[in-house]
Amino acid sequence: MTKIRFERLHHVQVCIPTGEEDTARSFYTGVLGLQEIEKPDALKPNGGLWYEVAGIELHIGTEPHTEQSKRHPAFEISNLEQVKDHLIKEGVKTKEETEIPGMKRFSFFDPFNNRIEFLEKC
């Protein structure tokens, strides 16, 4: 059996309803402050947006119908409480997560009910 040599997480994809790119951009660029990156020309007709987050790509794809699920990216950050306060002040829905030894964490939801987790080593 060939051993798979995983290098790193390359990208995570969450979904938004078709045609909601402006709302997504307002949230991901405006509220979260992420850096949007150019999608390959061949994929632009599919809609959506791509972002770079700490060396990992976050792909925001489009689908005709979306619903909340357990799918989510998790990003380790170093200023968890300040970010949580910021999101709450922006009116973003947050969710406390089950404690894990050595980690503080919480989740939040974008305008399309995609769950995103932030965590910090403690």
PDB file of N, CA and C in Angstrom:
ATOM      1  N   MET A   1       0.840  -1.175   0.000  1.00  0.00           N
ATOM      2  CA  MET A   1       0.000   0.000   0.000  1.00  0.00           C
ATOM      3  C   MET A   1       0.889   1.243   0.000  1.00  0.00           C
ATOM      4  N   THR A   2       0.554   2.203  -0.827  1.00  0.00           N
ATOM      5  CA  THR A   2       1.299   3.454  -0.903  1.00  0.00           C
ATOM      6  C   THR A   2       0.927   4.346   0.266  1.00  0.00           C
ATOM      7  N   LYS A   3       1.933   4.870   0.955  1.00  0.00           N
ATOM      8  CA  LYS A   3       1.684   5.808   2.044  1.00  0.00           C
ATOM      9  C   LYS A   3       1.382   7.177   1.459  1.00  0.00           C
ATOM     10  N   ILE A   4       0.285   7.764   1.894  1.00  0.00           N
ATOM     11  CA  ILE A   4      -0.072   9.109   1.440  1.00  0.00           C
ATOM     12  C   ILE A   4       0.728  10.101   2.265  1.00  0.00           C
ATOM     13  N   ARG A   5       1.432  11.011   1.623  1.00  0.00           N
ATOM     14  CA  ARG A   5       2.236  12.022   2.304  1.00  0.00           C
ATOM     15  C   ARG A   5       1.495  13.352   2.321  1.00  0.00           C
ATOM     16  N   PHE A   6       0.706  13.525   3.323  1.00  0.00           N
ATOM     17  CA  PHE A   6      -0.026  14.780   3.438  1.00  0.00           C
ATOM     18  C   PHE A   6       0.932  15.909   3.753  1.00  0.00           C
ATOM     19  N   GLU A   7       0.799  17.027   3.059  1.00  0.00           N
ATOM     20  CA  GLU A   7       1.669  18.182   3.259  1.00  0.00           C
ATOM     21  C   GLU A   7       1.020  19.235   4.150  1.00  0.00           C
ATOM     22  N   ARG A   8      -0.219  19.605   3.867  1.00  0.00           N
ATOM     23  CA  ARG A   8      -0.941  20.619   4.637  1.00  0.00           C
ATOM     24  C   ARG A   8      -2.376  20.672   4.140  1.00  0.00           C
ATOM     25  N   LEU A   9      -3.190  21.345   4.835  1.00  0.00           N
ATOM     26  CA  LEU A   9      -4.537  21.598   4.361  1.00  0.00           C
ATOM     27  C   LEU A   9      -4.446  22.615   3.230  1.00  0.00           C
ATOM     28  N   HIS A  10      -4.950  22.301   2.050  1.00  0.00           N
ATOM     29  CA  HIS A  10      -4.866  23.212   0.909  1.00  0.00           C
ATOM     30  C   HIS A  10      -6.032  24.184   0.877  1.00  0.00           C
ATOM     31  N   HIS A  11      -7.265  23.655   0.964  1.00  0.00           N
ATOM     32  CA  HIS A  11      -8.412  24.548   0.973  1.00  0.00           C
ATOM     33  C   HIS A  11      -9.609  23.883   1.634  1.00  0.00           C
ATOM     34  N   VAL A  12     -10.524  24.718   2.023  1.00  0.00           N
ATOM     35  CA  VAL A  12     -11.805  24.299   2.570  1.00  0.00           C
ATOM     36  C   VAL A  12     -12.857  25.017   1.739  1.00  0.00           C
ATOM     37  N   GLN A  13     -13.946  24.328   1.438  1.00  0.00           N
ATOM     38  CA  GLN A  13     -15.022  24.984   0.696  1.00  0.00           C
ATOM     39  C   GLN A  13     -16.294  24.991   1.525  1.00  0.00           C
ATOM     40  N   VAL A  14     -16.921  26.148   1.579  1.00  0.00           N
ATOM     41  CA  VAL A  14     -18.253  26.303   2.135  1.00  0.00           C
ATOM     42  C   VAL A  14     -19.138  26.805   0.996  1.00  0.00           C
ATOM     43  N   CYS A  15     -20.435  26.765   1.194  1.00  0.00           N
ATOM     44  CA  CYS A  15     -21.330  27.127   0.096  1.00  0.00           C
ATOM     45  C   CYS A  15     -22.278  28.260   0.464  1.00  0.00           C
ATOM     46  N   ILE A  16     -22.617  29.014  -0.548  1.00  0.00           N
ATOM     47  CA  ILE A  16     -23.579  30.113  -0.436  1.00  0.00           C
ATOM     48  C   ILE A  16     -24.621  29.921  -1.538  1.00  0.00           C
ATOM     49  N   PRO A  17     -25.785  30.543  -1.389  1.00  0.00           N
ATOM     50  CA  PRO A  17     -26.764  30.454  -2.479  1.00  0.00           C
ATOM     51  C   PRO A  17     -26.250  31.151  -3.740  1.00  0.00           C
ATOM     52  N   THR A  18     -26.633  30.632  -4.871  1.00  0.00           N
ATOM     53  CA  THR A  18     -26.270  31.212  -6.162  1.00  0.00           C
ATOM     54  C   THR A  18     -26.646  32.692  -6.192  1.00  0.00           C
ATOM     55  N   GLY A  19     -25.693  33.528  -6.643  1.00  0.00           N
ATOM     56  CA  GLY A  19     -25.946  34.954  -6.805  1.00  0.00           C
ATOM     57  C   GLY A  19     -25.712  35.808  -5.570  1.00  0.00           C
ATOM     58  N   GLU A  20     -25.207  35.222  -4.484  1.00  0.00           N
ATOM     59  CA  GLU A  20     -25.017  35.968  -3.234  1.00  0.00           C
ATOM     60  C   GLU A  20     -23.561  36.368  -2.981  1.00  0.00           C
ATOM     61  N   GLU A  21     -22.776  36.487  -4.043  1.00  0.00           N
ATOM     62  CA  GLU A  21     -21.362  36.837  -3.880  1.00  0.00           C
ATOM     63  C   GLU A  21     -21.154  38.179  -3.182  1.00  0.00           C
ATOM     64  N   ASP A  22     -21.988  39.172  -3.460  1.00  0.00           N
ATOM     65  CA  ASP A  22     -21.809  40.487  -2.819  1.00  0.00           C
ATOM     66  C   ASP A  22     -22.004  40.398  -1.308  1.00  0.00           C
ATOM     67  N   THR A  23     -22.996  39.630  -0.870  1.00  0.00           N
ATOM     68  CA  THR A  23     -23.214  39.435   0.567  1.00  0.00           C
ATOM     69  C   THR A  23     -22.031  38.693   1.176  1.00  0.00           C
ATOM     70  N   ALA A  24     -21.546  37.667   0.479  1.00  0.00           N
ATOM     71  CA  ALA A  24     -20.391  36.905   0.967  1.00  0.00           C
ATOM     72  C   ALA A  24     -19.157  37.800   1.063  1.00  0.00           C
ATOM     73  N   ARG A  25     -18.931  38.605   0.040  1.00  0.00           N
ATOM     74  CA  ARG A  25     -17.771  39.502   0.033  1.00  0.00           C
ATOM     75  C   ARG A  25     -17.865  40.498   1.190  1.00  0.00           C
ATOM     76  N   SER A  26     -19.045  41.014   1.433  1.00  0.00           N
ATOM     77  CA  SER A  26     -19.238  41.947   2.544  1.00  0.00           C
ATOM     78  C   SER A  26     -18.854  41.294   3.874  1.00  0.00           C
ATOM     79  N   PHE A  27     -19.233  40.041   4.050  1.00  0.00           N
ATOM     80  CA  PHE A  27     -18.925  39.339   5.298  1.00  0.00           C
ATOM     81  C   PHE A  27     -17.461  38.930   5.367  1.00  0.00           C
ATOM     82  N   TYR A  28     -16.992  38.177   4.373  1.00  0.00           N
ATOM     83  CA  TYR A  28     -15.641  37.613   4.440  1.00  0.00           C
ATOM     84  C   TYR A  28     -14.545  38.672   4.288  1.00  0.00           C
ATOM     85  N   THR A  29     -14.769  39.669   3.439  1.00  0.00           N
ATOM     86  CA  THR A  29     -13.788  40.742   3.288  1.00  0.00           C
ATOM     87  C   THR A  29     -14.028  41.833   4.326  1.00  0.00           C
ATOM     88  N   GLY A  30     -15.281  42.280   4.445  1.00  0.00           N
ATOM     89  CA  GLY A  30     -15.606  43.401   5.323  1.00  0.00           C
ATOM     90  C   GLY A  30     -15.541  43.074   6.801  1.00  0.00           C
ATOM     91  N   VAL A  31     -16.247  42.041   7.238  1.00  0.00           N
ATOM     92  CA  VAL A  31     -16.311  41.715   8.673  1.00  0.00           C
ATOM     93  C   VAL A  31     -15.071  40.954   9.126  1.00  0.00           C
ATOM     94  N   LEU A  32     -14.691  39.892   8.373  1.00  0.00           N
ATOM     95  CA  LEU A  32     -13.553  39.069   8.799  1.00  0.00           C
ATOM     96  C   LEU A  32     -12.206  39.634   8.353  1.00  0.00           C
ATOM     97  N   GLY A  33     -12.198  40.504   7.347  1.00  0.00           N
ATOM     98  CA  GLY A  33     -10.945  41.102   6.888  1.00  0.00           C
ATOM     99  C   GLY A  33     -10.063  40.162   6.087  1.00  0.00           C
ATOM    100  N   LEU A  34     -10.639  39.158   5.425  1.00  0.00           N
ATOM    101  CA  LEU A  34      -9.843  38.212   4.652  1.00  0.00           C
ATOM    102  C   LEU A  34      -9.435  38.804   3.311  1.00  0.00           C
ATOM    103  N   GLN A  35      -8.351  38.274   2.759  1.00  0.00           N
ATOM    104  CA  GLN A  35      -7.819  38.722   1.474  1.00  0.00           C
ATOM    105  C   GLN A  35      -8.367  37.853   0.353  1.00  0.00           C
ATOM    106  N   GLU A  36      -9.166  38.465  -0.522  1.00  0.00           N
ATOM    107  CA  GLU A  36      -9.699  37.718  -1.660  1.00  0.00           C
ATOM    108  C   GLU A  36      -8.589  37.464  -2.668  1.00  0.00           C
ATOM    109  N   ILE A  37      -8.597  36.270  -3.266  1.00  0.00           N
ATOM    110  CA  ILE A  37      -7.625  35.918  -4.304  1.00  0.00           C
ATOM    111  C   ILE A  37      -8.379  35.599  -5.596  1.00  0.00           C
ATOM    112  N   GLU A  38      -7.677  35.727  -6.688  1.00  0.00           N
ATOM    113  CA  GLU A  38      -8.255  35.509  -8.016  1.00  0.00           C
ATOM    114  C   GLU A  38      -8.539  34.024  -8.247  1.00  0.00           C
ATOM    115  N   LYS A  39      -9.740  33.720  -8.720  1.00  0.00           N
ATOM    116  CA  LYS A  39     -10.069  32.357  -9.132  1.00  0.00           C
ATOM    117  C   LYS A  39      -9.489  32.116 -10.520  1.00  0.00           C
ATOM    118  N   PRO A  40      -9.138  30.875 -10.844  1.00  0.00           N
ATOM    119  CA  PRO A  40      -8.705  30.578 -12.214  1.00  0.00           C
ATOM    120  C   PRO A  40      -9.821  30.915 -13.206  1.00  0.00           C
ATOM    121  N   ASP A  41      -9.449  31.432 -14.360  1.00  0.00           N
ATOM    122  CA  ASP A  41     -10.426  31.828 -15.378  1.00  0.00           C
ATOM    123  C   ASP A  41     -11.408  30.701 -15.695  1.00  0.00           C
ATOM    124  N   ALA A  42     -10.919  29.474 -15.737  1.00  0.00           N
ATOM    125  CA  ALA A  42     -11.773  28.339 -16.091  1.00  0.00           C
ATOM    126  C   ALA A  42     -12.889  28.101 -15.075  1.00  0.00           C
ATOM    127  N   LEU A  43     -12.703  28.579 -13.834  1.00  0.00           N
ATOM    128  CA  LEU A  43     -13.706  28.358 -12.786  1.00  0.00           C
ATOM    129  C   LEU A  43     -14.589  29.571 -12.518  1.00  0.00           C
ATOM    130  N   LYS A  44     -14.247  30.708 -13.067  1.00  0.00           N
ATOM    131  CA  LYS A  44     -15.037  31.923 -12.830  1.00  0.00           C
ATOM    132  C   LYS A  44     -16.507  31.785 -13.224  1.00  0.00           C
ATOM    133  N   PRO A  45     -16.836  31.075 -14.323  1.00  0.00           N
ATOM    134  CA  PRO A  45     -18.253  30.935 -14.673  1.00  0.00           C
ATOM    135  C   PRO A  45     -19.091  30.220 -13.600  1.00  0.00           C
ATOM    136  N   ASN A  46     -18.440  29.483 -12.711  1.00  0.00           N
ATOM    137  CA  ASN A  46     -19.161  28.776 -11.652  1.00  0.00           C
ATOM    138  C   ASN A  46     -19.626  29.702 -10.537  1.00  0.00           C
ATOM    139  N   GLY A  47     -19.140  30.933 -10.516  1.00  0.00           N
ATOM    140  CA  GLY A  47     -19.476  31.863  -9.441  1.00  0.00           C
ATOM    141  C   GLY A  47     -18.635  31.591  -8.209  1.00  0.00           C
ATOM    142  N   GLY A  48     -18.942  32.302  -7.136  1.00  0.00           N
ATOM    143  CA  GLY A  48     -18.216  32.117  -5.887  1.00  0.00           C
ATOM    144  C   GLY A  48     -16.998  33.006  -5.766  1.00  0.00           C
ATOM    145  N   LEU A  49     -16.304  32.834  -4.662  1.00  0.00           N
ATOM    146  CA  LEU A  49     -15.130  33.639  -4.311  1.00  0.00           C
ATOM    147  C   LEU A  49     -14.070  32.735  -3.703  1.00  0.00           C
ATOM    148  N   TRP A  50     -12.819  33.153  -3.790  1.00  0.00           N
ATOM    149  CA  TRP A  50     -11.734  32.454  -3.110  1.00  0.00           C
ATOM    150  C   TRP A  50     -10.993  33.441  -2.226  1.00  0.00           C
ATOM    151  N   TYR A  51     -10.514  32.948  -1.084  1.00  0.00           N
ATOM    152  CA  TYR A  51      -9.735  33.745  -0.142  1.00  0.00           C
ATOM    153  C   TYR A  51      -8.484  32.988   0.267  1.00  0.00           C
ATOM    154  N   GLU A  52      -7.488  33.753   0.706  1.00  0.00           N
ATOM    155  CA  GLU A  52      -6.277  33.178   1.302  1.00  0.00           C
ATOM    156  C   GLU A  52      -6.335  33.493   2.782  1.00  0.00           C
ATOM    157  N   VAL A  53      -6.184  32.450   3.612  1.00  0.00           N
ATOM    158  CA  VAL A  53      -6.226  32.602   5.065  1.00  0.00           C
ATOM    159  C   VAL A  53      -5.049  31.833   5.653  1.00  0.00           C
ATOM    160  N   ALA A  54      -4.033  32.545   6.105  1.00  0.00           N
ATOM    161  CA  ALA A  54      -2.879  31.910   6.758  1.00  0.00           C
ATOM    162  C   ALA A  54      -2.283  30.778   5.922  1.00  0.00           C
ATOM    163  N   GLY A  55      -2.126  31.007   4.626  1.00  0.00           N
ATOM    164  CA  GLY A  55      -1.506  30.018   3.755  1.00  0.00           C
ATOM    165  C   GLY A  55      -2.439  28.910   3.284  1.00  0.00           C
ATOM    166  N   ILE A  56      -3.718  28.998   3.605  1.00  0.00           N
ATOM    167  CA  ILE A  56      -4.712  28.016   3.185  1.00  0.00           C
ATOM    168  C   ILE A  56      -5.774  28.756   2.384  1.00  0.00           C
ATOM    169  N   GLU A  57      -6.321  28.102   1.379  1.00  0.00           N
ATOM    170  CA  GLU A  57      -7.372  28.728   0.592  1.00  0.00           C
ATOM    171  C   GLU A  57      -8.738  28.385   1.160  1.00  0.00           C
ATOM    172  N   LEU A  58      -9.606  29.373   1.210  1.00  0.00           N
ATOM    173  CA  LEU A  58     -11.003  29.198   1.581  1.00  0.00           C
ATOM    174  C   LEU A  58     -11.818  29.472   0.329  1.00  0.00           C
ATOM    175  N   HIS A  59     -12.508  28.462  -0.173  1.00  0.00           N
ATOM    176  CA  HIS A  59     -13.315  28.596  -1.379  1.00  0.00           C
ATOM    177  C   HIS A  59     -14.774  28.745  -0.972  1.00  0.00           C
ATOM    178  N   ILE A  60     -15.409  29.789  -1.488  1.00  0.00           N
ATOM    179  CA  ILE A  60     -16.825  30.030  -1.244  1.00  0.00           C
ATOM    180  C   ILE A  60     -17.538  29.665  -2.542  1.00  0.00           C
ATOM    181  N   GLY A  61     -18.132  28.478  -2.585  1.00  0.00           N
ATOM    182  CA  GLY A  61     -18.813  28.007  -3.788  1.00  0.00           C
ATOM    183  C   GLY A  61     -20.280  28.387  -3.773  1.00  0.00           C
ATOM    184  N   THR A  62     -20.926  28.255  -4.918  1.00  0.00           N
ATOM    185  CA  THR A  62     -22.352  28.567  -5.003  1.00  0.00           C
ATOM    186  C   THR A  62     -23.145  27.301  -5.295  1.00  0.00           C
ATOM    187  N   GLU A  63     -24.323  27.232  -4.705  1.00  0.00           N
ATOM    188  CA  GLU A  63     -25.264  26.139  -4.930  1.00  0.00           C
ATOM    189  C   GLU A  63     -26.671  26.726  -4.905  1.00  0.00           C
ATOM    190  N   PRO A  64     -27.599  26.083  -5.598  1.00  0.00           N
ATOM    191  CA  PRO A  64     -28.961  26.618  -5.591  1.00  0.00           C
ATOM    192  C   PRO A  64     -29.604  26.589  -4.201  1.00  0.00           C
ATOM    193  N   HIS A  65     -29.272  25.596  -3.374  1.00  0.00           N
ATOM    194  CA  HIS A  65     -29.844  25.482  -2.031  1.00  0.00           C
ATOM    195  C   HIS A  65     -28.722  25.137  -1.049  1.00  0.00           C
ATOM    196  N   THR A  66     -28.695  25.810   0.083  1.00  0.00           N
ATOM    197  CA  THR A  66     -27.726  25.481   1.129  1.00  0.00           C
ATOM    198  C   THR A  66     -28.470  25.297   2.433  1.00  0.00           C
ATOM    199  N   GLU A  67     -27.903  24.488   3.307  1.00  0.00           N
ATOM    200  CA  GLU A  67     -28.474  24.310   4.633  1.00  0.00           C
ATOM    201  C   GLU A  67     -27.334  24.069   5.611  1.00  0.00           C
ATOM    202  N   GLN A  68     -27.597  24.330   6.853  1.00  0.00           N
ATOM    203  CA  GLN A  68     -26.562  24.203   7.876  1.00  0.00           C
ATOM    204  C   GLN A  68     -26.208  22.739   8.084  1.00  0.00           C
ATOM    205  N   SER A  69     -24.931  22.443   8.239  1.00  0.00           N
ATOM    206  CA  SER A  69     -24.466  21.091   8.502  1.00  0.00           C
ATOM    207  C   SER A  69     -23.247  21.157   9.406  1.00  0.00           C
ATOM    208  N   LYS A  70     -22.640  20.014   9.664  1.00  0.00           N
ATOM    209  CA  LYS A  70     -21.427  19.972  10.485  1.00  0.00           C
ATOM    210  C   LYS A  70     -20.178  20.337   9.682  1.00  0.00           C
ATOM    211  N   ARG A  71     -20.302  20.504   8.361  1.00  0.00           N
ATOM    212  CA  ARG A  71     -19.139  20.873   7.548  1.00  0.00           C
ATOM    213  C   ARG A  71     -18.609  22.205   8.040  1.00  0.00           C
ATOM    214  N   HIS A  72     -17.300  22.275   8.202  1.00  0.00           N
ATOM    215  CA  HIS A  72     -16.720  23.549   8.626  1.00  0.00           C
ATOM    216  C   HIS A  72     -15.209  23.513   8.511  1.00  0.00           C
ATOM    217  N   PRO A  73     -14.621  24.671   8.289  1.00  0.00           N
ATOM    218  CA  PRO A  73     -13.174  24.799   8.447  1.00  0.00           C
ATOM    219  C   PRO A  73     -12.901  25.222   9.891  1.00  0.00           C
ATOM    220  N   ALA A  74     -11.733  24.887  10.380  1.00  0.00           N
ATOM    221  CA  ALA A  74     -11.295  25.336  11.706  1.00  0.00           C
ATOM    222  C   ALA A  74      -9.938  26.001  11.542  1.00  0.00           C
ATOM    223  N   PHE A  75      -9.825  27.211  12.049  1.00  0.00           N
ATOM    224  CA  PHE A  75      -8.594  27.974  11.928  1.00  0.00           C
ATOM    225  C   PHE A  75      -8.044  28.253  13.314  1.00  0.00           C
ATOM    226  N   GLU A  76      -6.769  27.945  13.511  1.00  0.00           N
ATOM    227  CA  GLU A  76      -6.099  28.316  14.761  1.00  0.00           C
ATOM    228  C   GLU A  76      -5.718  29.786  14.660  1.00  0.00           C
ATOM    229  N   ILE A  77      -6.088  30.553  15.679  1.00  0.00           N
ATOM    230  CA  ILE A  77      -5.755  31.975  15.713  1.00  0.00           C
ATOM    231  C   ILE A  77      -5.092  32.289  17.052  1.00  0.00           C
ATOM    232  N   SER A  78      -4.557  33.492  17.196  1.00  0.00           N
ATOM    233  CA  SER A  78      -3.829  33.822  18.417  1.00  0.00           C
ATOM    234  C   SER A  78      -4.491  34.915  19.243  1.00  0.00           C
ATOM    235  N   ASN A  79      -5.671  35.361  18.863  1.00  0.00           N
ATOM    236  CA  ASN A  79      -6.366  36.412  19.609  1.00  0.00           C
ATOM    237  C   ASN A  79      -7.861  36.103  19.698  1.00  0.00           C
ATOM    238  N   LEU A  80      -8.149  34.927  20.196  1.00  0.00           N
ATOM    239  CA  LEU A  80      -9.500  34.383  20.178  1.00  0.00           C
ATOM    240  C   LEU A  80     -10.530  35.292  20.831  1.00  0.00           C
ATOM    241  N   GLU A  81     -10.266  35.773  22.031  1.00  0.00           N
ATOM    242  CA  GLU A  81     -11.261  36.575  22.746  1.00  0.00           C
ATOM    243  C   GLU A  81     -11.551  37.896  22.042  1.00  0.00           C
ATOM    244  N   GLN A  82     -10.513  38.556  21.529  1.00  0.00           N
ATOM    245  CA  GLN A  82     -10.723  39.817  20.816  1.00  0.00           C
ATOM    246  C   GLN A  82     -11.556  39.604  19.549  1.00  0.00           C
ATOM    247  N   VAL A  83     -11.269  38.516  18.833  1.00  0.00           N
ATOM    248  CA  VAL A  83     -12.010  38.217  17.613  1.00  0.00           C
ATOM    249  C   VAL A  83     -13.463  37.885  17.943  1.00  0.00           C
ATOM    250  N   LYS A  84     -13.655  37.116  18.993  1.00  0.00           N
ATOM    251  CA  LYS A  84     -15.023  36.770  19.404  1.00  0.00           C
ATOM    252  C   LYS A  84     -15.815  38.036  19.740  1.00  0.00           C
ATOM    253  N   ASP A  85     -15.200  38.935  20.511  1.00  0.00           N
ATOM    254  CA  ASP A  85     -15.853  40.203  20.849  1.00  0.00           C
ATOM    255  C   ASP A  85     -16.197  40.992  19.586  1.00  0.00           C
ATOM    256  N   HIS A  86     -15.264  41.046  18.639  1.00  0.00           N
ATOM    257  CA  HIS A  86     -15.485  41.755  17.377  1.00  0.00           C
ATOM    258  C   HIS A  86     -16.694  41.185  16.631  1.00  0.00           C
ATOM    259  N   LEU A  87     -16.743  39.860  16.521  1.00  0.00           N
ATOM    260  CA  LEU A  87     -17.839  39.230  15.783  1.00  0.00           C
ATOM    261  C   LEU A  87     -19.187  39.482  16.459  1.00  0.00           C
ATOM    262  N   ILE A  88     -19.206  39.393  17.774  1.00  0.00           N
ATOM    263  CA  ILE A  88     -20.451  39.656  18.505  1.00  0.00           C
ATOM    264  C   ILE A  88     -20.908  41.092  18.273  1.00  0.00           C
ATOM    265  N   LYS A  89     -19.960  42.043  18.320  1.00  0.00           N
ATOM    266  CA  LYS A  89     -20.301  43.453  18.067  1.00  0.00           C
ATOM    267  C   LYS A  89     -20.830  43.658  16.654  1.00  0.00           C
ATOM    268  N   GLU A  90     -20.377  42.838  15.711  1.00  0.00           N
ATOM    269  CA  GLU A  90     -20.840  42.920  14.321  1.00  0.00           C
ATOM    270  C   GLU A  90     -22.172  42.208  14.118  1.00  0.00           C
ATOM    271  N   GLY A  91     -22.710  41.611  15.180  1.00  0.00           N
ATOM    272  CA  GLY A  91     -23.993  40.929  15.084  1.00  0.00           C
ATOM    273  C   GLY A  91     -23.913  39.522  14.521  1.00  0.00           C
ATOM    274  N   VAL A  92     -22.717  38.941  14.532  1.00  0.00           N
ATOM    275  CA  VAL A  92     -22.524  37.596  13.993  1.00  0.00           C
ATOM    276  C   VAL A  92     -22.968  36.569  15.035  1.00  0.00           C
ATOM    277  N   LYS A  93     -23.706  35.561  14.598  1.00  0.00           N
ATOM    278  CA  LYS A  93     -24.161  34.482  15.477  1.00  0.00           C
ATOM    279  C   LYS A  93     -22.968  33.609  15.859  1.00  0.00           C
ATOM    280  N   THR A  94     -22.730  33.453  17.170  1.00  0.00           N
ATOM    281  CA  THR A  94     -21.640  32.613  17.653  1.00  0.00           C
ATOM    282  C   THR A  94     -22.209  31.435  18.436  1.00  0.00           C
ATOM    283  N   LYS A  95     -21.382  30.405  18.611  1.00  0.00           N
ATOM    284  CA  LYS A  95     -21.788  29.197  19.330  1.00  0.00           C
ATOM    285  C   LYS A  95     -20.617  28.718  20.173  1.00  0.00           C
ATOM    286  N   GLU A  96     -20.862  28.510  21.456  1.00  0.00           N
ATOM    287  CA  GLU A  96     -19.830  27.938  22.318  1.00  0.00           C
ATOM    288  C   GLU A  96     -19.649  26.471  21.940  1.00  0.00           C
ATOM    289  N   GLU A  97     -18.409  26.007  21.941  1.00  0.00           N
ATOM    290  CA  GLU A  97     -18.104  24.623  21.604  1.00  0.00           C
ATOM    291  C   GLU A  97     -17.663  23.863  22.853  1.00  0.00           C
ATOM    292  N   THR A  98     -17.806  22.557  22.806  1.00  0.00           N
ATOM    293  CA  THR A  98     -17.362  21.699  23.895  1.00  0.00           C
ATOM    294  C   THR A  98     -15.875  21.924  24.147  1.00  0.00           C
ATOM    295  N   GLU A  99     -15.511  22.053  25.408  1.00  0.00           N
ATOM    296  CA  GLU A  99     -14.108  22.291  25.746  1.00  0.00           C
ATOM    297  C   GLU A  99     -13.238  21.101  25.367  1.00  0.00           C
ATOM    298  N   ILE A 100     -12.046  21.422  24.895  1.00  0.00           N
ATOM    299  CA  ILE A 100     -11.024  20.433  24.571  1.00  0.00           C
ATOM    300  C   ILE A 100      -9.795  20.806  25.383  1.00  0.00           C
ATOM    301  N   PRO A 101      -9.161  19.854  26.070  1.00  0.00           N
ATOM    302  CA  PRO A 101      -7.969  20.200  26.844  1.00  0.00           C
ATOM    303  C   PRO A 101      -6.927  20.913  25.989  1.00  0.00           C
ATOM    304  N   GLY A 102      -6.448  22.042  26.514  1.00  0.00           N
ATOM    305  CA  GLY A 102      -5.401  22.805  25.838  1.00  0.00           C
ATOM    306  C   GLY A 102      -5.888  23.725  24.733  1.00  0.00           C
ATOM    307  N   MET A 103      -7.206  23.799  24.519  1.00  0.00           N
ATOM    308  CA  MET A 103      -7.749  24.636  23.447  1.00  0.00           C
ATOM    309  C   MET A 103      -8.946  25.429  23.943  1.00  0.00           C
ATOM    310  N   LYS A 104      -8.971  26.698  23.560  1.00  0.00           N
ATOM    311  CA  LYS A 104     -10.180  27.507  23.693  1.00  0.00           C
ATOM    312  C   LYS A 104     -10.744  27.579  22.283  1.00  0.00           C
ATOM    313  N   ARG A 105     -12.085  27.527  22.171  1.00  0.00           N
ATOM    314  CA  ARG A 105     -12.641  27.560  20.826  1.00  0.00           C
ATOM    315  C   ARG A 105     -14.093  27.994  20.839  1.00  0.00           C
ATOM    316  N   PHE A 106     -14.533  28.465  19.691  1.00  0.00           N
ATOM    317  CA  PHE A 106     -15.936  28.773  19.462  1.00  0.00           C
ATOM    318  C   PHE A 106     -16.189  28.708  17.964  1.00  0.00           C
ATOM    319  N   SER A 107     -17.440  28.627  17.610  1.00  0.00           N
ATOM    320  CA  SER A 107     -17.823  28.643  16.206  1.00  0.00           C
ATOM    321  C   SER A 107     -18.690  29.863  15.948  1.00  0.00           C
ATOM    322  N   PHE A 108     -18.775  30.246  14.696  1.00  0.00           N
ATOM    323  CA  PHE A 108     -19.681  31.307  14.288  1.00  0.00           C
ATOM    324  C   PHE A 108     -20.248  30.935  12.930  1.00  0.00           C
ATOM    325  N   PHE A 109     -21.276  31.659  12.529  1.00  0.00           N
ATOM    326  CA  PHE A 109     -21.968  31.339  11.287  1.00  0.00           C
ATOM    327  C   PHE A 109     -21.968  32.554  10.372  1.00  0.00           C
ATOM    328  N   ASP A 110     -21.643  32.312   9.104  1.00  0.00           N
ATOM    329  CA  ASP A 110     -21.700  33.394   8.125  1.00  0.00           C
ATOM    330  C   ASP A 110     -23.163  33.649   7.756  1.00  0.00           C
ATOM    331  N   PRO A 111     -23.441  34.617   6.887  1.00  0.00           N
ATOM    332  CA  PRO A 111     -24.828  34.924   6.555  1.00  0.00           C
ATOM    333  C   PRO A 111     -25.589  33.774   5.881  1.00  0.00           C
ATOM    334  N   PHE A 112     -24.876  32.699   5.498  1.00  0.00           N
ATOM    335  CA  PHE A 112     -25.483  31.575   4.796  1.00  0.00           C
ATOM    336  C   PHE A 112     -25.534  30.318   5.666  1.00  0.00           C
ATOM    337  N   ASN A 113     -25.298  30.477   6.975  1.00  0.00           N
ATOM    338  CA  ASN A 113     -25.286  29.384   7.952  1.00  0.00           C
ATOM    339  C   ASN A 113     -24.144  28.396   7.774  1.00  0.00           C
ATOM    340  N   ASN A 114     -23.049  28.816   7.120  1.00  0.00           N
ATOM    341  CA  ASN A 114     -21.839  28.002   7.122  1.00  0.00           C
ATOM    342  C   ASN A 114     -21.180  28.173   8.480  1.00  0.00           C
ATOM    343  N   ARG A 115     -20.832  27.071   9.103  1.00  0.00           N
ATOM    344  CA  ARG A 115     -20.172  27.096  10.404  1.00  0.00           C
ATOM    345  C   ARG A 115     -18.665  27.225  10.200  1.00  0.00           C
ATOM    346  N   ILE A 116     -18.033  28.109  10.959  1.00  0.00           N
ATOM    347  CA  ILE A 116     -16.579  28.286  10.936  1.00  0.00           C
ATOM    348  C   ILE A 116     -16.111  28.245  12.388  1.00  0.00           C
ATOM    349  N   GLU A 117     -15.065  27.487  12.655  1.00  0.00           N
ATOM    350  CA  GLU A 117     -14.533  27.374  14.017  1.00  0.00           C
ATOM    351  C   GLU A 117     -13.213  28.109  14.120  1.00  0.00           C
ATOM    352  N   PHE A 118     -13.048  28.858  15.198  1.00  0.00           N
ATOM    353  CA  PHE A 118     -11.767  29.464  15.545  1.00  0.00           C
ATOM    354  C   PHE A 118     -11.314  28.815  16.845  1.00  0.00           C
ATOM    355  N   LEU A 119     -10.032  28.512  16.935  1.00  0.00           N
ATOM    356  CA  LEU A 119      -9.494  27.936  18.151  1.00  0.00           C
ATOM    357  C   LEU A 119      -8.138  28.532  18.468  1.00  0.00           C
ATOM    358  N   GLU A 120      -7.770  28.444  19.752  1.00  0.00           N
ATOM    359  CA  GLU A 120      -6.494  28.985  20.223  1.00  0.00           C
ATOM    360  C   GLU A 120      -5.953  28.062  21.292  1.00  0.00           C
ATOM    361  N   LYS A 121      -4.666  27.736  21.163  1.00  0.00           N
ATOM    362  CA  LYS A 121      -4.011  26.931  22.194  1.00  0.00           C
ATOM    363  C   LYS A 121      -3.921  27.739  23.473  1.00  0.00           C
ATOM    364  N   CYS A 122      -4.119  27.060  24.615  1.00  0.00           N
ATOM    365  CA  CYS A 122      -3.990  27.759  25.885  1.00  0.00           C
ATOM    366  C   CYS A 122      -3.112  26.972  26.842  1.00  0.00           C
TER     367      CYS A 122
END
